[in-house]
Protein backbone atom coordinates (compact mmCIF):
# COMPACT_ATOMS: atom_id res chain seq x y z
CA MET A 1 0.06 0.16 -0.09
CA SER A 2 2.26 3.55 -1.64
CA PRO A 3 1.63 5.80 1.75
CA TYR A 4 0.12 8.55 -0.13
CA SER A 5 -2.98 6.26 -1.64
CA LEU A 6 -6.64 7.38 -0.85
CA THR A 7 -7.74 4.58 0.59
CA THR A 8 -6.55 3.54 4.66
CA ASP A 9 -5.91 1.00 6.59
CA PRO A 10 -6.62 1.82 10.65
CA LYS A 11 -4.28 -1.45 11.68
CA THR A 12 -1.49 0.37 9.96
CA MET A 13 -1.64 3.08 11.20
CA ALA A 14 -0.88 5.78 14.40
CA LYS A 15 -1.67 8.64 15.08
CA ALA A 16 -0.31 11.32 17.69
CA PHE A 17 -1.38 14.81 18.43
CA GLY A 18 -0.37 17.96 19.65
CA ARG A 19 -2.98 21.07 21.07
CA GLU A 20 -1.92 24.16 21.66
CA LEU A 21 2.00 24.53 21.73
CA ASN A 22 3.32 27.03 22.81
CA ILE A 23 5.48 27.31 19.08
CA SER A 24 6.04 29.20 15.92
CA PRO A 25 2.94 28.63 13.62
CA LYS A 26 5.06 29.80 10.28
CA HIS A 27 8.34 27.43 11.78
CA ALA A 28 4.98 24.59 12.44
CA VAL A 29 4.13 25.17 8.80
CA GLU A 30 7.31 24.91 7.11
CA LEU A 31 8.71 21.64 9.44
CA CYS A 32 5.71 20.47 8.17
CA ARG A 33 6.03 20.79 4.74
CA PHE A 34 9.36 19.54 5.64
CA LEU A 35 8.74 16.56 7.01
CA ARG A 36 6.21 15.43 4.44
CA GLY A 37 6.66 12.34 3.40
CA ARG A 38 9.62 10.53 4.79
CA LYS A 39 10.61 7.85 6.73
CA VAL A 40 10.03 8.00 11.18
CA THR A 41 13.70 7.26 11.21
CA SER A 42 15.10 9.88 8.53
CA ALA A 43 12.46 12.57 10.28
CA GLU A 44 13.42 11.38 13.78
CA ASN A 45 17.74 12.26 12.37
CA LEU A 46 16.92 15.86 10.86
CA LEU A 47 15.03 16.92 13.42
CA ASN A 48 17.78 16.10 15.72
CA GLU A 49 20.44 17.55 13.26
CA ILE A 50 17.82 20.63 12.83
CA ILE A 51 18.46 21.24 16.72
CA GLY A 52 22.04 20.78 16.37
CA LYS A 53 21.67 23.95 14.20
CA LYS A 54 23.58 21.57 10.91
CA THR A 55 20.48 21.46 8.55
CA ALA A 56 18.61 24.28 8.33
CA VAL A 57 14.67 23.88 7.49
CA PRO A 58 13.85 25.43 3.43
CA PHE A 59 11.46 28.10 3.94
CA LYS A 60 9.15 27.96 1.01
CA ARG A 61 6.20 30.61 1.82
CA HIS A 62 7.41 32.61 4.66
CA LYS A 63 10.96 33.25 3.46
CA HIS A 64 10.76 37.20 3.53
CA SER A 65 14.11 38.69 4.78
CA VAL A 66 15.04 34.86 5.17
CA SER A 67 18.73 34.58 4.37
CA HIS A 68 20.14 31.83 2.63
CA ARG A 69 21.58 28.57 4.35
CA ARG A 70 24.68 26.93 3.63
CA GLY A 71 24.33 24.00 0.85
CA LYS A 72 21.46 23.62 -1.89
CA VAL A 73 19.18 25.03 0.84
CA GLY A 74 18.13 29.24 -0.43
CA PRO A 75 16.48 30.60 1.99
CA GLY A 76 16.21 28.97 5.27
CA LYS A 77 15.92 28.71 9.43
CA TYR A 78 16.50 26.65 12.17
CA PRO A 79 13.17 26.16 14.19
CA VAL A 80 14.77 24.68 17.39
CA LYS A 81 11.93 25.07 19.87
CA ALA A 82 9.64 23.96 17.60
CA ALA A 83 11.73 20.87 16.44
CA LYS A 84 11.83 19.68 20.44
CA GLU A 85 7.72 20.36 20.27
CA ILE A 86 7.24 18.07 17.02
CA LEU A 87 10.34 15.34 17.47
CA ARG A 88 8.36 14.70 21.24
CA LEU A 89 5.19 14.27 18.41
CA LEU A 90 7.76 11.73 16.99
CA LYS A 91 8.12 10.17 19.48
CA ASP A 92 4.81 9.56 20.49
CA VAL A 93 3.71 8.54 17.27
CA LYS A 94 6.08 5.89 17.26
CA ALA A 95 5.40 4.73 20.66
CA ASN A 96 1.34 4.55 19.99
CA ALA A 97 3.13 2.45 16.60
CA GLU A 98 4.31 -0.43 18.73
CA PHE A 99 1.32 -0.56 20.59
CA GLN A 100 -0.75 -1.79 18.52
CA GLY A 101 1.96 -3.82 16.86
CA ILE A 102 3.04 -1.74 14.00
CA ASP A 103 6.66 -1.94 13.57
CA PRO A 104 8.25 1.51 13.41
CA GLU A 105 11.01 0.86 10.96
CA ASN A 106 8.52 0.47 8.05
CA THR A 107 6.37 3.75 8.45
CA PHE A 108 6.06 6.51 6.88
CA ILE A 109 4.46 9.44 8.04
CA VAL A 110 1.66 10.07 6.04
CA HIS A 111 0.23 13.15 7.07
CA ILE A 112 1.25 16.12 9.25
CA SER A 113 0.22 19.39 9.48
CA SER A 114 -0.12 22.28 11.42
CA TYR A 115 -2.62 24.97 12.29
CA LYS A 116 -3.45 28.05 14.26
CA GLY A 117 -5.21 26.95 17.61
CA ARG A 118 -7.14 29.23 19.96
CA ILE A 119 -5.72 32.48 21.56
CA THR A 120 -5.36 33.52 24.41
CA ASN A 121 -4.14 35.77 26.82
CA SER A 122 -0.72 35.33 28.94
CA TRP A 123 -0.58 33.25 31.67
CA PHE A 124 1.20 36.85 33.16
CA PRO A 125 -1.09 40.48 33.78
CA ARG A 126 0.35 42.94 30.73
CA ALA A 127 -0.78 46.28 31.37
CA ARG A 128 1.32 48.61 32.67
CA GLY A 129 0.42 51.51 31.08
CA ARG A 130 -1.08 49.35 27.70
CA SER A 131 -4.57 49.25 26.62
CA SER A 132 -4.10 46.26 24.68
CA PRO A 133 -3.34 42.20 27.00
CA LYS A 134 -1.15 39.96 24.92
CA ASN A 135 -2.29 37.52 23.09
CA LEU A 136 -1.04 34.18 22.69
CA VAL A 137 -1.44 31.96 20.07
CA GLY A 138 -0.74 27.77 20.36
CA VAL A 139 -0.61 26.34 17.33
CA ASN A 140 -2.70 22.25 16.96
CA VAL A 141 0.29 19.85 14.94
CA GLU A 142 -1.10 16.28 14.09
CA ILE A 143 0.59 13.55 12.75
CA VAL A 144 -0.07 10.17 10.88
CA ILE A 145 2.15 7.36 10.43
CA GLU A 146 1.46 4.61 8.60
CA GLU A 147 3.42 1.59 7.62
CA SER A 148 4.63 0.35 4.61
CA GLU A 149 7.04 -1.52 2.77
CA GLU A 150 7.82 0.39 -0.52
CA GLU A 151 10.51 3.18 -1.01
CA ILE A 152 8.68 7.03 -0.77
């Protein structure tokens, strides 16, 4: 079964959701685009390299005033905070796959997306002469992996 197939089998899939994460929505979108369709083990290695600032994430959409990085990346950044949170979610989805009896070594990221969550006020008072509160935008990230023998 191809990782991009329209018919899905819940017996070979695992998923995890991160709700209201305190990361940048733009970094999360670009990081999810970079990881989509990859093998889970290679995605973990890439995230560890991003955290160590060895590999840059190419920015395709949110690239205004973003400088080019070493190699053939083009405009890119090192979104360390977002990479740590998505790595934690990737470990969670691997654990879910193992619990369901799926081999995590043969799994691919079929679906990974991030979108803005609720707008909430911060946990500390902000007024101090300002007329508006400091609103925080949470980010929701969802990851679905599927077991497949084929290489993408």
